[in-house]
C-alpha atoms as a PDB file:
ATOM      1  CA  MET A   1     123.252 117.168 118.829  1.00  0.00           C
ATOM      2  CA  SER A   2     119.578 116.346 118.520  1.00  0.00           C
ATOM      3  CA  GLN A   3     118.094 113.957 116.038  1.00  0.00           C
ATOM      4  CA  VAL A   4     115.070 114.912 114.009  1.00  0.00           C
ATOM      5  CA  GLU A   5     112.720 111.990 113.589  1.00  0.00           C
ATOM      6  CA  GLN A   6     111.134 111.653 110.213  1.00  0.00           C
ATOM      7  CA  ALA A   7     107.346 111.338 110.206  1.00  0.00           C
ATOM      8  CA  ARG A   8     106.002 107.868 109.458  1.00  0.00           C
ATOM      9  CA  ALA A   9     104.876 107.571 105.834  1.00  0.00           C
ATOM     10  CA  THR A  10     101.166 107.030 105.324  1.00  0.00           C
ATOM     11  CA  LEU A  11      99.104 105.307 102.665  1.00  0.00           C
ATOM     12  CA  GLU A  12      98.341 108.750 101.240  1.00  0.00           C
ATOM     13  CA  ASP A  13     102.092 109.355 100.912  1.00  0.00           C
ATOM     14  CA  LEU A  14     102.359 106.126  98.938  1.00  0.00           C
ATOM     15  CA  TYR A  15      99.505 107.215  96.638  1.00  0.00           C
ATOM     16  CA  ARG A  16     101.418 110.420  95.885  1.00  0.00           C
ATOM     17  CA  GLU A  17     104.709 108.653  95.164  1.00  0.00           C
ATOM     18  CA  PRO A  18     105.560 109.314  91.487  1.00  0.00           C
ATOM     19  CA  CYS A  19     107.687 106.155  91.121  1.00  0.00           C
ATOM     20  CA  LYS A  20     107.109 102.469  91.781  1.00  0.00           C
ATOM     21  CA  ALA A  21     107.434 102.046  95.547  1.00  0.00           C
ATOM     22  CA  GLU A  22     106.385 100.008  98.563  1.00  0.00           C
ATOM     23  CA  SER A  23     105.745 100.992 102.171  1.00  0.00           C
ATOM     24  CA  ILE A  24     108.137  99.246 104.545  1.00  0.00           C
ATOM     25  CA  GLY A  25     108.783 100.198 108.156  1.00  0.00           C
ATOM     26  CA  GLY A  26     106.948 103.501 107.836  1.00  0.00           C
ATOM     27  CA  ARG A  27     109.129 104.570 104.890  1.00  0.00           C
ATOM     28  CA  ILE A  28     108.379 104.805 101.201  1.00  0.00           C
ATOM     29  CA  VAL A  29     110.954 102.569  99.490  1.00  0.00           C
ATOM     30  CA  GLN A  30     111.394 103.290  95.798  1.00  0.00           C
ATOM     31  CA  LEU A  31     111.937 100.287  93.542  1.00  0.00           C
ATOM     32  CA  MET A  32     114.326 100.569  90.651  1.00  0.00           C
ATOM     33  CA  PRO A  33     113.111 100.334  87.066  1.00  0.00           C
ATOM     34  CA  THR A  34     113.630  97.067  85.272  1.00  0.00           C
ATOM     35  CA  GLY A  35     115.443  96.196  82.074  1.00  0.00           C
ATOM     36  CA  ARG A  36     114.047  95.070  78.756  1.00  0.00           C
ATOM     37  CA  LYS A  37     114.159  91.275  79.259  1.00  0.00           C
ATOM     38  CA  PRO A  38     112.671  91.193  82.782  1.00  0.00           C
ATOM     39  CA  ASN A  39     109.911  93.551  81.624  1.00  0.00           C
ATOM     40  CA  ARG A  40     109.123  91.415  78.569  1.00  0.00           C
ATOM     41  CA  VAL A  41     109.024  88.301  80.772  1.00  0.00           C
ATOM     42  CA  ALA A  42     106.602  89.971  83.198  1.00  0.00           C
ATOM     43  CA  SER A  43     104.398  91.183  80.340  1.00  0.00           C
ATOM     44  CA  ARG A  44     104.167  87.706  78.800  1.00  0.00           C
ATOM     45  CA  ILE A  45     103.118  86.247  82.150  1.00  0.00           C
ATOM     46  CA  PHE A  46     100.546  89.017  82.623  1.00  0.00           C
ATOM     47  CA  ARG A  47      98.998  88.468  79.180  1.00  0.00           C
ATOM     48  CA  SER A  48      98.578  84.742  79.778  1.00  0.00           C
ATOM     49  CA  LEU A  49      97.268  85.255  83.302  1.00  0.00           C
ATOM     50  CA  ASP A  50      94.849  87.987  82.206  1.00  0.00           C
ATOM     51  CA  ASP A  51      93.477  85.812  79.392  1.00  0.00           C
ATOM     52  CA  HIS A  52      92.947  82.966  81.879  1.00  0.00           C
ATOM     53  CA  ALA A  53      91.178  85.235  84.404  1.00  0.00           C
ATOM     54  CA  GLU A  54      88.901  86.545  81.632  1.00  0.00           C
ATOM     55  CA  ASN A  55      88.133  83.015  80.421  1.00  0.00           C
ATOM     56  CA  ILE A  56      87.241  81.622  83.844  1.00  0.00           C
ATOM     57  CA  GLY A  57      85.484  84.804  85.023  1.00  0.00           C
ATOM     58  CA  THR A  58      87.280  84.786  88.384  1.00  0.00           C
ATOM     59  CA  GLY A  59      89.794  87.287  89.698  1.00  0.00           C
ATOM     60  CA  GLU A  60      91.864  89.882  87.907  1.00  0.00           C
ATOM     61  CA  ALA A  61      95.451  89.952  86.636  1.00  0.00           C
ATOM     62  CA  TYR A  62      97.629  93.051  87.097  1.00  0.00           C
ATOM     63  CA  THR A  63     100.718  94.475  85.501  1.00  0.00           C
ATOM     64  CA  ASP A  64     103.737  95.922  87.243  1.00  0.00           C
ATOM     65  CA  ASN A  65     103.116  98.670  89.802  1.00  0.00           C
ATOM     66  CA  MET A  66      99.728  97.521  91.145  1.00  0.00           C
ATOM     67  CA  GLY A  67      99.522  98.442  94.825  1.00  0.00           C
ATOM     68  CA  PHE A  68      98.406  95.971  97.497  1.00  0.00           C
ATOM     69  CA  VAL A  69      98.104  97.382 101.022  1.00  0.00           C
ATOM     70  CA  VAL A  70      98.368  94.999 103.982  1.00  0.00           C
ATOM     71  CA  THR A  71      98.228  95.330 107.745  1.00  0.00           C
ATOM     72  CA  ALA A  72     101.755  96.038 108.956  1.00  0.00           C
ATOM     73  CA  LEU A  73     103.720  92.792 109.054  1.00  0.00           C
ATOM     74  CA  GLU A  74     106.389  91.891 111.608  1.00  0.00           C
ATOM     75  CA  SER A  75     109.020  93.035 109.071  1.00  0.00           C
ATOM     76  CA  GLY A  76     107.362  96.460 108.890  1.00  0.00           C
ATOM     77  CA  ARG A  77     106.076  95.927 105.353  1.00  0.00           C
ATOM     78  CA  GLU A  78     102.717  97.537 104.639  1.00  0.00           C
ATOM     79  CA  SER A  79     102.444  97.123 100.880  1.00  0.00           C
ATOM     80  CA  PHE A  80     103.472  95.119  97.845  1.00  0.00           C
ATOM     81  CA  SER A  81     103.933  96.044  94.197  1.00  0.00           C
ATOM     82  CA  PRO A  82     104.711  92.796  92.350  1.00  0.00           C
ATOM     83  CA  ASP A  83     105.883  92.616  88.738  1.00  0.00           C
ATOM     84  CA  THR A  84     102.710  90.700  87.828  1.00  0.00           C
ATOM     85  CA  SER A  85      99.900  89.541  90.078  1.00  0.00           C
ATOM     86  CA  TYR A  86      96.479  87.935  90.316  1.00  0.00           C
ATOM     87  CA  HIS A  87      93.821  88.689  92.902  1.00  0.00           C
ATOM     88  CA  ARG A  88      90.486  86.920  93.470  1.00  0.00           C
ATOM     89  CA  GLY A  89      89.058  89.713  95.612  1.00  0.00           C
ATOM     90  CA  PRO A  90      87.628  91.450  97.422  1.00  0.00           C
ATOM     91  CA  PHE A  91      88.148  94.566  95.367  1.00  0.00           C
ATOM     92  CA  PRO A  92      88.089  98.163  96.634  1.00  0.00           C
ATOM     93  CA  PRO A  93      84.818 100.095  96.257  1.00  0.00           C
ATOM     94  CA  ASN A  94      86.819 102.838  94.540  1.00  0.00           C
ATOM     95  CA  PRO A  95      88.560 101.200  91.541  1.00  0.00           C
ATOM     96  CA  MET A  96      91.122 104.021  91.490  1.00  0.00           C
ATOM     97  CA  ARG A  97      92.603 102.912  94.832  1.00  0.00           C
ATOM     98  CA  PHE A  98      95.026 100.165  95.858  1.00  0.00           C
ATOM     99  CA  ILE A  99      93.708  96.739  96.799  1.00  0.00           C
ATOM    100  CA  THR A 100      93.488  96.071 100.513  1.00  0.00           C
ATOM    101  CA  GLY A 101      95.006  92.656 101.119  1.00  0.00           C
ATOM    102  CA  ALA A 102      97.738  90.547  99.601  1.00  0.00           C
ATOM    103  CA  PRO A 103      97.648  89.326  96.008  1.00  0.00           C
ATOM    104  CA  THR A 104      96.454  85.742  95.668  1.00  0.00           C
ATOM    105  CA  PHE A 105      99.412  85.077  93.348  1.00  0.00           C
ATOM    106  CA  ALA A 106     102.518  87.268  92.985  1.00  0.00           C
ATOM    107  CA  VAL A 107     105.255  87.192  90.362  1.00  0.00           C
ATOM    108  CA  GLU A 108     108.669  88.690  91.025  1.00  0.00           C
ATOM    109  CA  VAL A 109     110.952  88.798  87.980  1.00  0.00           C
ATOM    110  CA  ARG A 110     114.634  89.126  88.770  1.00  0.00           C
ATOM    111  CA  SER A 111     116.509  92.089  87.353  1.00  0.00           C
ATOM    112  CA  GLU A 112     120.105  92.142  86.190  1.00  0.00           C
ATOM    113  CA  ASN A 113     121.618  92.393  89.685  1.00  0.00           C
ATOM    114  CA  ASP A 114     119.218  90.012  91.462  1.00  0.00           C
ATOM    115  CA  ASN A 115     121.460  86.934  91.300  1.00  0.00           C
ATOM    116  CA  THR A 116     123.686  87.851  94.250  1.00  0.00           C
ATOM    117  CA  GLU A 117     123.572  86.301  97.721  1.00  0.00           C
ATOM    118  CA  SER A 118     122.223  89.503  99.292  1.00  0.00           C
ATOM    119  CA  ALA A 119     119.544  89.821  96.587  1.00  0.00           C
ATOM    120  CA  ALA A 120     118.511  86.202  97.184  1.00  0.00           C
ATOM    121  CA  SER A 121     118.172  86.951 100.902  1.00  0.00           C
ATOM    122  CA  GLU A 122     116.036  90.027 100.194  1.00  0.00           C
ATOM    123  CA  MET A 123     113.812  88.005  97.845  1.00  0.00           C
ATOM    124  CA  ALA A 124     113.399  85.284 100.484  1.00  0.00           C
ATOM    125  CA  ASP A 125     112.391  87.926 103.040  1.00  0.00           C
ATOM    126  CA  LYS A 126     109.855  89.403 100.628  1.00  0.00           C
ATOM    127  CA  ARG A 127     108.409  85.943  99.889  1.00  0.00           C
ATOM    128  CA  ALA A 128     108.035  85.366 103.643  1.00  0.00           C
ATOM    129  CA  ASP A 129     106.169  88.685 103.816  1.00  0.00           C
ATOM    130  CA  TYR A 130     103.876  87.658 100.952  1.00  0.00           C
ATOM    131  CA  PHE A 131     102.995  84.426 102.744  1.00  0.00           C
ATOM    132  CA  ALA A 132     102.538  86.171 106.109  1.00  0.00           C
ATOM    133  CA  ALA A 133     100.108  88.559 104.399  1.00  0.00           C
ATOM    134  CA  GLY A 134      98.079  85.739 102.812  1.00  0.00           C
ATOM    135  CA  THR A 135      99.495  85.212  99.312  1.00  0.00           C
ATOM    136  CA  GLU A 136      99.059  81.585  98.259  1.00  0.00           C
ATOM    137  CA  VAL A 137     101.766  81.265  95.561  1.00  0.00           C
ATOM    138  CA  VAL A 138     104.840  83.323  94.622  1.00  0.00           C
ATOM    139  CA  TRP A 139     106.842  82.889  91.442  1.00  0.00           C
ATOM    140  CA  ASP A 140     110.522  83.850  91.482  1.00  0.00           C
ATOM    141  CA  VAL A 141     111.324  84.168  87.779  1.00  0.00           C
ATOM    142  CA  ASP A 142     114.987  84.071  86.765  1.00  0.00           C
ATOM    143  CA  PRO A 143     115.513  85.393  83.198  1.00  0.00           C
ATOM    144  CA  VAL A 144     119.282  84.746  83.307  1.00  0.00           C
ATOM    145  CA  ASN A 145     118.990  81.008  84.041  1.00  0.00           C
ATOM    146  CA  GLU A 146     115.575  80.802  82.360  1.00  0.00           C
ATOM    147  CA  CYS A 147     113.743  79.044  85.144  1.00  0.00           C
ATOM    148  CA  VAL A 148     110.686  79.643  87.302  1.00  0.00           C
ATOM    149  CA  TYR A 149     110.771  78.839  91.020  1.00  0.00           C
ATOM    150  CA  VAL A 150     107.261  78.263  92.355  1.00  0.00           C
ATOM    151  CA  TYR A 151     106.841  78.776  96.097  1.00  0.00           C
ATOM    152  CA  ARG A 152     103.624  77.905  97.928  1.00  0.00           C
ATOM    153  CA  ALA A 153     102.379  79.039 101.313  1.00  0.00           C
ATOM    154  CA  SER A 154     102.058  75.347 102.224  1.00  0.00           C
ATOM    155  CA  ALA A 155     105.832  74.810 101.682  1.00  0.00           C
ATOM    156  CA  PRO A 156     107.335  78.314 101.642  1.00  0.00           C
ATOM    157  CA  THR A 157     110.995  77.258 101.458  1.00  0.00           C
ATOM    158  CA  GLN A 158     110.638  74.310  99.083  1.00  0.00           C
ATOM    159  CA  PRO A 159     110.172  75.579  95.527  1.00  0.00           C
ATOM    160  CA  THR A 160     109.211  73.554  92.510  1.00  0.00           C
ATOM    161  CA  THR A 161     111.547  74.505  89.654  1.00  0.00           C
ATOM    162  CA  TYR A 162     110.366  74.679  86.044  1.00  0.00           C
ATOM    163  CA  ARG A 163     112.698  74.965  83.051  1.00  0.00           C
ATOM    164  CA  ARG A 164     112.387  75.139  79.271  1.00  0.00           C
ATOM    165  CA  GLY A 165     110.316  72.262  77.911  1.00  0.00           C
ATOM    166  CA  GLN A 166     108.030  72.314  80.977  1.00  0.00           C
ATOM    167  CA  GLU A 167     104.854  74.141  81.953  1.00  0.00           C
ATOM    168  CA  ALA A 168     104.826  76.212  85.137  1.00  0.00           C
ATOM    169  CA  GLU A 169     101.671  76.484  87.237  1.00  0.00           C
ATOM    170  CA  ALA A 170     100.389  78.445  90.218  1.00  0.00           C
ATOM    171  CA  GLU A 171      98.168  75.919  92.002  1.00  0.00           C
ATOM    172  CA  PRO A 172      96.179  76.429  94.187  1.00  0.00           C
ATOM    173  CA  ALA A 173      96.138  80.218  93.651  1.00  0.00           C
ATOM    174  CA  VAL A 174      95.179  80.101  89.973  1.00  0.00           C
ATOM    175  CA  PRO A 175      93.446  76.771  89.305  1.00  0.00           C
ATOM    176  CA  GLY A 176      93.841  75.373  85.807  1.00  0.00           C
ATOM    177  CA  TRP A 177      96.346  77.980  84.603  1.00  0.00           C
ATOM    178  CA  ARG A 178      99.572  76.755  83.034  1.00  0.00           C
ATOM    179  CA  MET A 179     102.236  78.564  81.047  1.00  0.00           C
ATOM    180  CA  ALA A 180     105.033  77.064  78.985  1.00  0.00           C
ATOM    181  CA  VAL A 181     108.432  78.152  80.260  1.00  0.00           C
ATOM    182  CA  ASP A 182     109.512  78.463  76.617  1.00  0.00           C
ATOM    183  CA  GLN A 183     106.747  81.045  76.132  1.00  0.00           C
ATOM    184  CA  ILE A 184     107.786  82.978  79.259  1.00  0.00           C
ATOM    185  CA  PHE A 185     111.333  83.453  78.046  1.00  0.00           C
ATOM    186  CA  GLY A 186     110.467  83.816  74.336  1.00  0.00           C
END
């Protein structure tokens, strides 16, 4: 029996993908839709981040499904599509295209089934990919336990945890920006 090798997915294949997806190991990997609470959490973070970017006149904030294309990492990952993100630049000449390079700051909001051991391992692998690609800060937002884990490239396995009654930050990626955890979880 012979095996038929599937052609390696290209950036153009990713552009044509009708669903939220990332390019990993030459394959287009579809990402499942999110539920109401994780989506509301991501939208609150985006609104605050976007207002801050507008006020300081530096960088841009993005909603879910923004594409960031990176040089293939050791894991095989070639793109990211965070739940919310911030990027200082550079920006593509064609504003209709994905950004080349990692987001400066990425937010991943856990979905309903993201509190298992295997999900935690997958999230840790993705954070390592973000840092390998050049992201400065990654938030792992847990709507079930209502906390924000802030990981920095300078200490990628040692998060700072923020809970209700505190303000989370994304230093040094987004200087001066703070958001109340109470506001994140509504």
